[in-house]
Amino acid sequence: MDPRFEFHFSQLFQAFIRFFVSINQIYFQTNLIQQQTSPNLIDIESLKDLIYTPKFKGFKYINDYLSKNRYINKHEFFLKSNEIRQINMTHKYTYGSTIKKINIAIDELTAVGKTTVGSALANNTENNLKTIEIFKKNVTENDKLFESITEIINSLGNKDYYLSGEEGAKISKNQEAHEIINQYIRQITKEKEFVVVGKNATFNILPDTEIKIVLSANIDIRVQHCSLQINLTDIKNIFTDILYRDYFSFKQLEQAKKVSTIINTTNNNYSEVTNKIFSIIRKKSLTTNAKFILKYSLIFLVFFLSYLLNKQQ
């Protein structure tokens, strides 16, 4: 082999190693900085309660309403369902330019606190987010829904309306409605940068998402959460209800655990849970970035070696 070629190859390889190490140090330092400042998170619930079908014009109606009320940012608009009724939620967040766009799916046992975790994520931002809380009366009766849109709009921010949850129970038992909701969530999350929280989120709603998490907690903590959420003191009935739901969701949860990172929230506050999720995100992003750099560095190396070989000939 030509000594000059060996020299050039050695220099190139050393340069490549220095380049790769330097880039990874930059990403590592950047992620350390980002650990101290949370990502910018924008709440936009999945619009799952506002199903877009040929018969239903409510989506356009809501957009028109938001356009007329310019103080409301459309990206801050979300429809929020009662947490107890297990309707899926979607949060949108944005990362710095150094982190690859990804989606996050979070499954949970009943009454672990997915709504509170979502709120904790939102509270990590410095933005003063305005939120619109809408709870649709009946997702399966689109014509009636269209007729009641005005009533829904007038109920924005009305906590009594939001917390009623009676119609939410009907929705949660309707599999056809759930599938329509899931299809819509899959569509809007194609842009990435979404956190989808709900039953079966990790293996059914977003099976190909980059980060999958299951939230769990001891039964006594979950009973306490549930009693606070619905202002009930009948602990026995709450306990029985949670066990009943666990029984029917056991197989689905076991399936979710096989593909997810499990976070037990029993001994952690929601801020700590949120930080754990961000830590998983950063680790995944760093790994993805490193693979990206390695891939294109190797491509560059191959082309450069090919160039040197052709030059020798």
C-alpha atoms as a PDB file:
ATOM      1  CA  MET A   1       0.000   0.000   0.000  1.00  0.00           C
ATOM      2  CA  ASP A   2       1.226   3.475  -0.882  1.00  0.00           C
ATOM      3  CA  PRO A   3       2.709   5.147   2.265  1.00  0.00           C
ATOM      4  CA  ARG A   4       1.027   8.400   1.283  1.00  0.00           C
ATOM      5  CA  PHE A   5      -2.334   6.659   1.216  1.00  0.00           C
ATOM      6  CA  GLU A   6      -1.709   5.120   4.646  1.00  0.00           C
ATOM      7  CA  PHE A   7      -0.767   8.551   5.988  1.00  0.00           C
ATOM      8  CA  HIS A   8      -3.903  10.204   4.577  1.00  0.00           C
ATOM      9  CA  PHE A   9      -6.078   7.370   5.846  1.00  0.00           C
ATOM     10  CA  SER A  10      -4.576   7.637   9.340  1.00  0.00           C
ATOM     11  CA  GLN A  11      -5.092  11.407   9.402  1.00  0.00           C
ATOM     12  CA  LEU A  12      -8.667  11.056   8.189  1.00  0.00           C
ATOM     13  CA  PHE A  13      -9.503   8.419  10.779  1.00  0.00           C
ATOM     14  CA  GLN A  14      -8.070  10.520  13.608  1.00  0.00           C
ATOM     15  CA  ALA A  15      -9.987  13.567  12.365  1.00  0.00           C
ATOM     16  CA  PHE A  16     -13.170  11.500  12.250  1.00  0.00           C
ATOM     17  CA  ILE A  17     -12.706  10.304  15.839  1.00  0.00           C
ATOM     18  CA  ARG A  18     -12.036  13.848  17.064  1.00  0.00           C
ATOM     19  CA  PHE A  19     -15.088  15.101  15.171  1.00  0.00           C
ATOM     20  CA  PHE A  20     -17.350  12.405  16.594  1.00  0.00           C
ATOM     21  CA  VAL A  21     -16.143  12.944  20.175  1.00  0.00           C
ATOM     22  CA  SER A  22     -16.496  16.725  19.888  1.00  0.00           C
ATOM     23  CA  ILE A  23     -20.042  16.543  18.540  1.00  0.00           C
ATOM     24  CA  ASN A  24     -21.126  14.161  21.287  1.00  0.00           C
ATOM     25  CA  GLN A  25     -19.619  16.454  23.915  1.00  0.00           C
ATOM     26  CA  ILE A  26     -21.599  19.352  22.471  1.00  0.00           C
ATOM     27  CA  TYR A  27     -24.836  17.357  22.628  1.00  0.00           C
ATOM     28  CA  PHE A  28     -24.059  16.165  26.140  1.00  0.00           C
ATOM     29  CA  GLN A  29     -23.392  19.698  27.375  1.00  0.00           C
ATOM     30  CA  THR A  30     -26.508  20.976  25.622  1.00  0.00           C
ATOM     31  CA  ASN A  31     -28.639  18.338  27.300  1.00  0.00           C
ATOM     32  CA  LEU A  32     -27.132  19.177  30.697  1.00  0.00           C
ATOM     33  CA  ILE A  33     -28.190  22.776  30.159  1.00  0.00           C
ATOM     34  CA  GLN A  34     -31.665  21.653  29.119  1.00  0.00           C
ATOM     35  CA  GLN A  35     -31.989  19.648  32.329  1.00  0.00           C
ATOM     36  CA  GLN A  36     -31.984  22.956  34.157  1.00  0.00           C
ATOM     37  CA  THR A  37     -34.600  24.553  31.892  1.00  0.00           C
ATOM     38  CA  SER A  38     -37.647  22.560  30.913  1.00  0.00           C
ATOM     39  CA  PRO A  39     -38.765  22.304  27.278  1.00  0.00           C
ATOM     40  CA  ASN A  40     -41.368  24.746  26.050  1.00  0.00           C
ATOM     41  CA  LEU A  41     -44.653  22.881  26.418  1.00  0.00           C
ATOM     42  CA  ILE A  42     -47.877  23.907  24.762  1.00  0.00           C
ATOM     43  CA  ASP A  43     -51.106  22.273  25.881  1.00  0.00           C
ATOM     44  CA  ILE A  44     -53.433  21.334  23.042  1.00  0.00           C
ATOM     45  CA  GLU A  45     -55.730  18.502  24.060  1.00  0.00           C
ATOM     46  CA  SER A  46     -56.309  16.068  21.279  1.00  0.00           C
ATOM     47  CA  LEU A  47     -59.577  17.582  20.023  1.00  0.00           C
ATOM     48  CA  LYS A  48     -60.792  14.032  20.520  1.00  0.00           C
ATOM     49  CA  ASP A  49     -64.131  15.218  21.858  1.00  0.00           C
ATOM     50  CA  LEU A  50     -64.764  17.141  18.668  1.00  0.00           C
ATOM     51  CA  ILE A  51     -64.892  14.427  16.007  1.00  0.00           C
ATOM     52  CA  TYR A  52     -64.627  15.637  12.420  1.00  0.00           C
ATOM     53  CA  THR A  53     -67.092  13.799  10.168  1.00  0.00           C
ATOM     54  CA  PRO A  54     -69.035  14.848   7.041  1.00  0.00           C
ATOM     55  CA  LYS A  55     -72.123  15.321   9.223  1.00  0.00           C
ATOM     56  CA  PHE A  56     -70.345  17.323  11.882  1.00  0.00           C
ATOM     57  CA  LYS A  57     -69.464  20.967  11.178  1.00  0.00           C
ATOM     58  CA  GLY A  58     -68.373  21.711  14.727  1.00  0.00           C
ATOM     59  CA  PHE A  59     -64.650  21.731  13.909  1.00  0.00           C
ATOM     60  CA  LYS A  60     -65.097  24.689  11.538  1.00  0.00           C
ATOM     61  CA  TYR A  61     -67.403  26.358  14.048  1.00  0.00           C
ATOM     62  CA  ILE A  62     -64.770  26.164  16.773  1.00  0.00           C
ATOM     63  CA  ASN A  63     -62.081  27.505  14.424  1.00  0.00           C
ATOM     64  CA  ASP A  64     -64.328  30.437  13.530  1.00  0.00           C
ATOM     65  CA  TYR A  65     -64.914  31.093  17.206  1.00  0.00           C
ATOM     66  CA  LEU A  66     -61.177  31.091  17.927  1.00  0.00           C
ATOM     67  CA  SER A  67     -60.512  33.392  14.968  1.00  0.00           C
ATOM     68  CA  LYS A  68     -62.979  35.954  16.300  1.00  0.00           C
ATOM     69  CA  ASN A  69     -61.440  35.780  19.769  1.00  0.00           C
ATOM     70  CA  ARG A  70     -57.869  36.697  18.952  1.00  0.00           C
ATOM     71  CA  TYR A  71     -56.765  36.645  22.576  1.00  0.00           C
ATOM     72  CA  ILE A  72     -56.974  32.847  22.381  1.00  0.00           C
ATOM     73  CA  ASN A  73     -54.039  31.165  20.653  1.00  0.00           C
ATOM     74  CA  LYS A  74     -55.256  28.256  18.521  1.00  0.00           C
ATOM     75  CA  HIS A  75     -52.209  26.246  19.532  1.00  0.00           C
ATOM     76  CA  GLU A  76     -53.222  26.673  23.144  1.00  0.00           C
ATOM     77  CA  PHE A  77     -56.720  25.407  22.454  1.00  0.00           C
ATOM     78  CA  PHE A  78     -57.569  22.007  23.830  1.00  0.00           C
ATOM     79  CA  LEU A  79     -60.532  19.908  24.736  1.00  0.00           C
ATOM     80  CA  LYS A  80     -60.159  18.329  28.130  1.00  0.00           C
ATOM     81  CA  SER A  81     -62.131  15.275  29.223  1.00  0.00           C
ATOM     82  CA  ASN A  82     -62.742  14.104  32.755  1.00  0.00           C
ATOM     83  CA  GLU A  83     -59.616  12.245  33.928  1.00  0.00           C
ATOM     84  CA  ILE A  84     -61.641   9.621  35.758  1.00  0.00           C
ATOM     85  CA  ARG A  85     -63.386   8.560  32.541  1.00  0.00           C
ATOM     86  CA  GLN A  86     -60.184   7.388  30.859  1.00  0.00           C
ATOM     87  CA  ILE A  87     -60.466   9.496  27.720  1.00  0.00           C
ATOM     88  CA  ASN A  88     -57.107  10.004  26.015  1.00  0.00           C
ATOM     89  CA  MET A  89     -55.272  13.319  26.137  1.00  0.00           C
ATOM     90  CA  THR A  90     -52.681  14.900  23.880  1.00  0.00           C
ATOM     91  CA  HIS A  91     -50.149  17.537  24.871  1.00  0.00           C
ATOM     92  CA  LYS A  92     -47.913  19.372  22.416  1.00  0.00           C
ATOM     93  CA  TYR A  93     -44.416  20.433  23.357  1.00  0.00           C
ATOM     94  CA  THR A  94     -41.399  21.837  21.527  1.00  0.00           C
ATOM     95  CA  TYR A  95     -37.745  21.027  22.039  1.00  0.00           C
ATOM     96  CA  GLY A  96     -34.623  22.993  21.285  1.00  0.00           C
ATOM     97  CA  SER A  97     -33.079  22.619  17.836  1.00  0.00           C
ATOM     98  CA  THR A  98     -30.576  20.062  19.159  1.00  0.00           C
ATOM     99  CA  ILE A  99     -33.225  17.481  19.999  1.00  0.00           C
ATOM    100  CA  LYS A 100     -34.877  15.323  17.373  1.00  0.00           C
ATOM    101  CA  LYS A 101     -38.671  15.514  17.181  1.00  0.00           C
ATOM    102  CA  ILE A 102     -40.333  12.527  18.813  1.00  0.00           C
ATOM    103  CA  ASN A 103     -43.695  11.404  20.181  1.00  0.00           C
ATOM    104  CA  ILE A 104     -44.337  10.096  23.683  1.00  0.00           C
ATOM    105  CA  ALA A 105     -47.096   7.666  24.695  1.00  0.00           C
ATOM    106  CA  ILE A 106     -48.066   7.199  28.352  1.00  0.00           C
ATOM    107  CA  ASP A 107     -50.250   4.356  29.665  1.00  0.00           C
ATOM    108  CA  GLU A 108     -51.407   4.066  33.262  1.00  0.00           C
ATOM    109  CA  LEU A 109     -53.443   2.237  35.822  1.00  0.00           C
ATOM    110  CA  THR A 110     -56.726   3.873  36.788  1.00  0.00           C
ATOM    111  CA  ALA A 111     -56.342   7.017  38.943  1.00  0.00           C
ATOM    112  CA  VAL A 112     -52.546   7.177  38.854  1.00  0.00           C
ATOM    113  CA  GLY A 113     -52.669  10.807  37.768  1.00  0.00           C
ATOM    114  CA  LYS A 114     -52.112  11.258  34.058  1.00  0.00           C
ATOM    115  CA  THR A 115     -53.993  14.568  34.055  1.00  0.00           C
ATOM    116  CA  THR A 116     -51.839  15.936  36.856  1.00  0.00           C
ATOM    117  CA  VAL A 117     -48.666  14.783  35.128  1.00  0.00           C
ATOM    118  CA  GLY A 118     -49.829  16.579  31.993  1.00  0.00           C
ATOM    119  CA  SER A 119     -50.494  19.715  34.023  1.00  0.00           C
ATOM    120  CA  ALA A 120     -47.072  19.418  35.655  1.00  0.00           C
ATOM    121  CA  LEU A 121     -45.491  19.266  32.203  1.00  0.00           C
ATOM    122  CA  ALA A 122     -47.383  22.381  31.184  1.00  0.00           C
ATOM    123  CA  ASN A 123     -46.397  24.197  34.366  1.00  0.00           C
ATOM    124  CA  ASN A 124     -42.726  23.665  33.563  1.00  0.00           C
ATOM    125  CA  THR A 125     -42.972  26.307  30.876  1.00  0.00           C
ATOM    126  CA  GLU A 126     -42.637  30.024  31.398  1.00  0.00           C
ATOM    127  CA  ASN A 127     -45.625  30.705  29.160  1.00  0.00           C
ATOM    128  CA  ASN A 128     -48.889  31.900  30.647  1.00  0.00           C
ATOM    129  CA  LEU A 129     -51.071  29.459  28.749  1.00  0.00           C
ATOM    130  CA  LYS A 130     -54.731  30.207  28.284  1.00  0.00           C
ATOM    131  CA  THR A 131     -56.781  27.047  28.146  1.00  0.00           C
ATOM    132  CA  ILE A 132     -60.249  26.293  26.942  1.00  0.00           C
ATOM    133  CA  GLU A 133     -61.939  23.375  28.660  1.00  0.00           C
ATOM    134  CA  ILE A 134     -64.771  21.801  26.766  1.00  0.00           C
ATOM    135  CA  PHE A 135     -66.597  18.627  27.625  1.00  0.00           C
ATOM    136  CA  LYS A 136     -68.796  17.430  24.787  1.00  0.00           C
ATOM    137  CA  LYS A 137     -72.135  15.971  25.701  1.00  0.00           C
ATOM    138  CA  ASN A 138     -72.311  13.039  23.309  1.00  0.00           C
ATOM    139  CA  VAL A 139     -69.552  12.167  20.877  1.00  0.00           C
ATOM    140  CA  THR A 140     -71.636   9.613  18.988  1.00  0.00           C
ATOM    141  CA  GLU A 141     -74.543  11.898  18.147  1.00  0.00           C
ATOM    142  CA  ASN A 142     -72.878  14.350  15.770  1.00  0.00           C
ATOM    143  CA  ASP A 143     -76.066  16.106  14.682  1.00  0.00           C
ATOM    144  CA  LYS A 144     -77.071  16.781  18.279  1.00  0.00           C
ATOM    145  CA  LEU A 145     -73.526  17.853  19.014  1.00  0.00           C
ATOM    146  CA  PHE A 146     -73.657  20.408  16.220  1.00  0.00           C
ATOM    147  CA  GLU A 147     -76.894  21.779  17.651  1.00  0.00           C
ATOM    148  CA  SER A 148     -75.327  22.088  21.107  1.00  0.00           C
ATOM    149  CA  ILE A 149     -72.036  23.697  20.029  1.00  0.00           C
ATOM    150  CA  THR A 150     -73.222  27.123  21.176  1.00  0.00           C
ATOM    151  CA  GLU A 151     -74.013  25.698  24.596  1.00  0.00           C
ATOM    152  CA  ILE A 152     -70.576  24.085  24.712  1.00  0.00           C
ATOM    153  CA  ILE A 153     -68.847  27.340  23.783  1.00  0.00           C
ATOM    154  CA  ASN A 154     -70.784  29.166  26.481  1.00  0.00           C
ATOM    155  CA  SER A 155     -69.577  26.576  28.972  1.00  0.00           C
ATOM    156  CA  LEU A 156     -65.873  27.231  28.344  1.00  0.00           C
ATOM    157  CA  GLY A 157     -64.017  27.219  31.630  1.00  0.00           C
ATOM    158  CA  ASN A 158     -67.102  26.203  33.588  1.00  0.00           C
ATOM    159  CA  LYS A 159     -65.613  23.727  36.074  1.00  0.00           C
ATOM    160  CA  ASP A 160     -68.985  22.319  37.117  1.00  0.00           C
ATOM    161  CA  TYR A 161     -69.676  21.432  33.498  1.00  0.00           C
ATOM    162  CA  TYR A 162     -66.215  19.984  33.032  1.00  0.00           C
ATOM    163  CA  LEU A 163     -66.270  17.901  36.188  1.00  0.00           C
ATOM    164  CA  SER A 164     -69.704  16.390  35.655  1.00  0.00           C
ATOM    165  CA  GLY A 165     -68.266  13.476  33.709  1.00  0.00           C
ATOM    166  CA  GLU A 166     -71.601  11.691  33.322  1.00  0.00           C
ATOM    167  CA  GLU A 167     -71.499  11.779  29.534  1.00  0.00           C
ATOM    168  CA  GLY A 168     -67.824  10.879  29.645  1.00  0.00           C
ATOM    169  CA  ALA A 169     -68.771   7.508  31.059  1.00  0.00           C
ATOM    170  CA  LYS A 170     -70.959   6.859  28.010  1.00  0.00           C
ATOM    171  CA  ILE A 171     -68.115   7.773  25.664  1.00  0.00           C
ATOM    172  CA  SER A 172     -65.604   5.565  27.467  1.00  0.00           C
ATOM    173  CA  LYS A 173     -67.860   2.526  26.936  1.00  0.00           C
ATOM    174  CA  ASN A 174     -68.336   3.160  23.216  1.00  0.00           C
ATOM    175  CA  GLN A 175     -65.584   1.349  21.281  1.00  0.00           C
ATOM    176  CA  GLU A 176     -66.593   2.887  17.956  1.00  0.00           C
ATOM    177  CA  ALA A 177     -66.221   6.368  19.409  1.00  0.00           C
ATOM    178  CA  HIS A 178     -62.861   5.406  20.898  1.00  0.00           C
ATOM    179  CA  GLU A 179     -61.555   4.247  17.523  1.00  0.00           C
ATOM    180  CA  ILE A 180     -62.625   7.498  15.848  1.00  0.00           C
ATOM    181  CA  ILE A 181     -60.806   9.377  18.592  1.00  0.00           C
ATOM    182  CA  ASN A 182     -57.685   7.227  18.190  1.00  0.00           C
ATOM    183  CA  GLN A 183     -57.621   7.722  14.415  1.00  0.00           C
ATOM    184  CA  TYR A 184     -57.752  11.470  14.892  1.00  0.00           C
ATOM    185  CA  ILE A 185     -54.926  11.351  17.446  1.00  0.00           C
ATOM    186  CA  ARG A 186     -52.777   9.294  15.048  1.00  0.00           C
ATOM    187  CA  GLN A 187     -53.387  11.875  12.350  1.00  0.00           C
ATOM    188  CA  ILE A 188     -52.425  14.974  14.331  1.00  0.00           C
ATOM    189  CA  THR A 189     -49.385  13.325  15.935  1.00  0.00           C
ATOM    190  CA  LYS A 190     -47.726  12.684  12.575  1.00  0.00           C
ATOM    191  CA  GLU A 191     -46.075  16.094  13.012  1.00  0.00           C
ATOM    192  CA  LYS A 192     -44.290  14.722  16.127  1.00  0.00           C
ATOM    193  CA  GLU A 193     -43.685  16.617  19.393  1.00  0.00           C
ATOM    194  CA  PHE A 194     -46.790  15.166  21.051  1.00  0.00           C
ATOM    195  CA  VAL A 195     -47.399  13.454  24.371  1.00  0.00           C
ATOM    196  CA  VAL A 196     -50.424  11.145  24.247  1.00  0.00           C
ATOM    197  CA  VAL A 197     -51.717   9.993  27.623  1.00  0.00           C
ATOM    198  CA  GLY A 198     -54.396   7.358  28.044  1.00  0.00           C
ATOM    199  CA  LYS A 199     -55.392   3.736  28.157  1.00  0.00           C
ATOM    200  CA  ASN A 200     -53.652   1.619  25.492  1.00  0.00           C
ATOM    201  CA  ALA A 201     -51.675   4.636  24.269  1.00  0.00           C
ATOM    202  CA  THR A 202     -48.396   2.736  24.001  1.00  0.00           C
ATOM    203  CA  PHE A 203     -49.437  -0.287  21.948  1.00  0.00           C
ATOM    204  CA  ASN A 204     -52.777   0.643  20.365  1.00  0.00           C
ATOM    205  CA  ILE A 205     -53.023   4.378  19.763  1.00  0.00           C
ATOM    206  CA  LEU A 206     -49.349   5.057  18.943  1.00  0.00           C
ATOM    207  CA  PRO A 207     -47.611   1.671  18.628  1.00  0.00           C
ATOM    208  CA  ASP A 208     -44.678   3.170  16.695  1.00  0.00           C
ATOM    209  CA  THR A 209     -43.985   6.091  19.026  1.00  0.00           C
ATOM    210  CA  GLU A 210     -40.387   6.676  20.084  1.00  0.00           C
ATOM    211  CA  ILE A 211     -40.931   6.800  23.864  1.00  0.00           C
ATOM    212  CA  LYS A 212     -43.440   4.640  25.750  1.00  0.00           C
ATOM    213  CA  ILE A 213     -44.120   4.991  29.466  1.00  0.00           C
ATOM    214  CA  VAL A 214     -46.451   3.239  31.920  1.00  0.00           C
ATOM    215  CA  LEU A 215     -47.420   5.074  35.127  1.00  0.00           C
ATOM    216  CA  SER A 216     -48.291   2.956  38.157  1.00  0.00           C
ATOM    217  CA  ALA A 217     -48.917   3.481  41.873  1.00  0.00           C
ATOM    218  CA  ASN A 218     -49.994   1.561  44.956  1.00  0.00           C
ATOM    219  CA  ILE A 219     -53.724   1.007  45.337  1.00  0.00           C
ATOM    220  CA  ASP A 220     -54.065   3.209  48.451  1.00  0.00           C
ATOM    221  CA  ILE A 221     -52.528   6.181  46.638  1.00  0.00           C
ATOM    222  CA  ARG A 222     -54.845   5.662  43.687  1.00  0.00           C
ATOM    223  CA  VAL A 223     -57.912   5.513  45.941  1.00  0.00           C
ATOM    224  CA  GLN A 224     -56.809   8.776  47.521  1.00  0.00           C
ATOM    225  CA  HIS A 225     -56.348  10.410  44.096  1.00  0.00           C
ATOM    226  CA  CYS A 226     -59.753   9.230  42.949  1.00  0.00           C
ATOM    227  CA  SER A 227     -61.559  10.419  46.076  1.00  0.00           C
ATOM    228  CA  LEU A 228     -60.030  13.889  45.749  1.00  0.00           C
ATOM    229  CA  GLN A 229     -60.873  14.138  42.052  1.00  0.00           C
ATOM    230  CA  ILE A 230     -64.567  13.424  42.441  1.00  0.00           C
ATOM    231  CA  ASN A 231     -65.034  14.755  45.986  1.00  0.00           C
ATOM    232  CA  LEU A 232     -66.279  11.464  47.400  1.00  0.00           C
ATOM    233  CA  THR A 233     -65.634   9.936  50.802  1.00  0.00           C
ATOM    234  CA  ASP A 234     -67.032   6.465  50.077  1.00  0.00           C
ATOM    235  CA  ILE A 235     -63.598   4.824  49.997  1.00  0.00           C
ATOM    236  CA  LYS A 236     -65.035   1.301  49.844  1.00  0.00           C
ATOM    237  CA  ASN A 237     -66.896   1.928  46.585  1.00  0.00           C
ATOM    238  CA  ILE A 238     -63.916   3.762  45.072  1.00  0.00           C
ATOM    239  CA  PHE A 239     -61.619   0.882  46.021  1.00  0.00           C
ATOM    240  CA  THR A 240     -64.006  -1.647  44.468  1.00  0.00           C
ATOM    241  CA  ASP A 241     -64.357   0.419  41.308  1.00  0.00           C
ATOM    242  CA  ILE A 242     -60.575   0.673  40.839  1.00  0.00           C
ATOM    243  CA  LEU A 243     -60.125  -3.080  41.324  1.00  0.00           C
ATOM    244  CA  TYR A 244     -62.934  -3.686  38.835  1.00  0.00           C
ATOM    245  CA  ARG A 245     -61.251  -1.504  36.218  1.00  0.00           C
ATOM    246  CA  ASP A 246     -57.856  -3.090  36.885  1.00  0.00           C
ATOM    247  CA  TYR A 247     -59.357  -6.524  36.331  1.00  0.00           C
ATOM    248  CA  PHE A 248     -60.676  -5.640  32.887  1.00  0.00           C
ATOM    249  CA  SER A 249     -57.561  -3.732  31.821  1.00  0.00           C
ATOM    250  CA  PHE A 250     -55.011  -6.235  33.184  1.00  0.00           C
ATOM    251  CA  LYS A 251     -54.138  -7.829  29.834  1.00  0.00           C
ATOM    252  CA  GLN A 252     -53.825  -4.472  28.101  1.00  0.00           C
ATOM    253  CA  LEU A 253     -51.598  -3.102  30.848  1.00  0.00           C
ATOM    254  CA  GLU A 254     -49.342  -6.161  30.773  1.00  0.00           C
ATOM    255  CA  GLN A 255     -49.011  -5.692  27.031  1.00  0.00           C
ATOM    256  CA  ALA A 256     -48.121  -2.034  27.559  1.00  0.00           C
ATOM    257  CA  LYS A 257     -45.470  -2.905  30.152  1.00  0.00           C
ATOM    258  CA  LYS A 258     -43.688  -5.162  27.657  1.00  0.00           C
ATOM    259  CA  VAL A 259     -42.923  -2.226  25.373  1.00  0.00           C
ATOM    260  CA  SER A 260     -42.655   0.624  27.892  1.00  0.00           C
ATOM    261  CA  THR A 261     -40.580   2.149  30.668  1.00  0.00           C
ATOM    262  CA  ILE A 262     -42.447   1.771  33.978  1.00  0.00           C
ATOM    263  CA  ILE A 263     -42.533   4.728  36.386  1.00  0.00           C
ATOM    264  CA  ASN A 264     -43.974   4.078  39.852  1.00  0.00           C
ATOM    265  CA  THR A 265     -45.407   7.336  41.185  1.00  0.00           C
ATOM    266  CA  THR A 266     -46.158   6.069  44.710  1.00  0.00           C
ATOM    267  CA  ASN A 267     -43.207   7.771  46.409  1.00  0.00           C
ATOM    268  CA  ASN A 268     -42.778  10.618  43.923  1.00  0.00           C
ATOM    269  CA  ASN A 269     -44.557  13.909  43.537  1.00  0.00           C
ATOM    270  CA  TYR A 270     -45.681  14.929  40.076  1.00  0.00           C
ATOM    271  CA  SER A 271     -42.717  17.241  39.584  1.00  0.00           C
ATOM    272  CA  GLU A 272     -40.362  14.303  40.153  1.00  0.00           C
ATOM    273  CA  VAL A 273     -42.357  12.134  37.760  1.00  0.00           C
ATOM    274  CA  THR A 274     -42.193  14.871  35.143  1.00  0.00           C
ATOM    275  CA  ASN A 275     -38.425  15.182  35.586  1.00  0.00           C
ATOM    276  CA  LYS A 276     -38.068  11.423  35.105  1.00  0.00           C
ATOM    277  CA  ILE A 277     -39.997  11.658  31.850  1.00  0.00           C
ATOM    278  CA  PHE A 278     -37.818  14.536  30.651  1.00  0.00           C
ATOM    279  CA  SER A 279     -34.724  12.513  31.580  1.00  0.00           C
ATOM    280  CA  ILE A 280     -35.947   9.620  29.424  1.00  0.00           C
ATOM    281  CA  ILE A 281     -36.645  12.048  26.579  1.00  0.00           C
ATOM    282  CA  ARG A 282     -33.157  13.548  26.781  1.00  0.00           C
ATOM    283  CA  LYS A 283     -31.501  10.131  26.873  1.00  0.00           C
ATOM    284  CA  LYS A 284     -33.483   8.970  23.856  1.00  0.00           C
ATOM    285  CA  SER A 285     -32.769  12.187  21.988  1.00  0.00           C
ATOM    286  CA  LEU A 286     -29.045  11.982  22.733  1.00  0.00           C
ATOM    287  CA  THR A 287     -28.919   8.388  21.485  1.00  0.00           C
ATOM    288  CA  THR A 288     -30.844   9.312  18.347  1.00  0.00           C
ATOM    289  CA  ASN A 289     -28.561  12.276  17.664  1.00  0.00           C
ATOM    290  CA  ALA A 290     -25.440  10.144  18.178  1.00  0.00           C
ATOM    291  CA  LYS A 291     -26.730   7.544  15.712  1.00  0.00           C
ATOM    292  CA  PHE A 292     -27.513  10.298  13.223  1.00  0.00           C
ATOM    293  CA  ILE A 293     -24.000  11.738  13.497  1.00  0.00           C
ATOM    294  CA  LEU A 294     -22.375   8.307  13.237  1.00  0.00           C
ATOM    295  CA  LYS A 295     -24.430   7.398  10.176  1.00  0.00           C
ATOM    296  CA  TYR A 296     -23.508  10.484   8.185  1.00  0.00           C
ATOM    297  CA  SER A 297     -19.923  10.466   9.425  1.00  0.00           C
ATOM    298  CA  LEU A 298     -19.514   6.932   8.085  1.00  0.00           C
ATOM    299  CA  ILE A 299     -21.092   7.962   4.789  1.00  0.00           C
ATOM    300  CA  PHE A 300     -18.620  10.840   4.576  1.00  0.00           C
ATOM    301  CA  LEU A 301     -15.741   8.488   5.399  1.00  0.00           C
ATOM    302  CA  VAL A 302     -16.755   6.014   2.690  1.00  0.00           C
ATOM    303  CA  PHE A 303     -16.997   8.722   0.051  1.00  0.00           C
ATOM    304  CA  PHE A 304     -13.671  10.220   1.095  1.00  0.00           C
ATOM    305  CA  LEU A 305     -11.916   6.837   0.971  1.00  0.00           C
ATOM    306  CA  SER A 306     -13.461   6.205  -2.422  1.00  0.00           C
ATOM    307  CA  TYR A 307     -12.116   9.559  -3.569  1.00  0.00           C
ATOM    308  CA  LEU A 308      -8.604   8.719  -2.329  1.00  0.00           C
ATOM    309  CA  LEU A 309      -8.663   5.308  -4.015  1.00  0.00           C
ATOM    310  CA  ASN A 310      -9.750   6.813  -7.315  1.00  0.00           C
ATOM    311  CA  LYS A 311      -7.044   9.422  -6.976  1.00  0.00           C
ATOM    312  CA  GLN A 312      -4.394   6.713  -6.462  1.00  0.00           C
ATOM    313  CA  GLN A 313      -5.481   5.032  -9.674  1.00  0.00           C
END
